[in-house]
Amino acid sequence: MRAVVQRVSYAQVKVVGVENVQPLHSRIGCGLVVLVGVGVGDTEEDAEYLATKLSGLRVFEDSNGKMNLSLEEVKGQMLLVSQFTLYGDCRKGRRPSFDQSAGAEIAQRLYNLLAESLRRKGIAVAEGKFQERMLVELANDGPVTILLDSKRHF
């Protein structure tokens, strides 16, 4: 599983309907926006690894201005958004290949497991809407953006 993690002062998601943009779906204040992709071969262990890593990630500043505090320590929130395009491969040609993205059924199961695991760890988790087109608005604080991969490829 892959994640793009952004420290934000706020974020929100609206779902794009057939005719127009639907009302606000979810919103957070200070916290993390986590875009999550599930790859071919990912398992429950990958979801648990990401949950552990995300819940303890120290990317918030302490009183000395060092990134030393976790989401829990700053009483922040997390907005979790599924994004299969994190497995887009652009090495050949100009159109990305999504062959390494897991199928929707497996991806949704592991995404849900990740969300549940984060909640069990005490994280306040808001979500996008799985397999829907969304408008994600955020204010990246820093900016701080971190890449995570459960297979530790980067």
Foldseek 3Di string as FASTA:
>chain_A
DKKKKFFFQKKWKWFADPVGTHPTQDMWGTDIEIEDFAWPPDDLLLLLVVLVCQQAPQQDQDPVGDSGHHCVRVVGAYEYEYDLCVQFDCPDDHGTDSNGTDDQVVGVVSSVSSVVSNVVVVHHYHYYDRPTDMDMDTGGVVGDIDMDDSVPPD
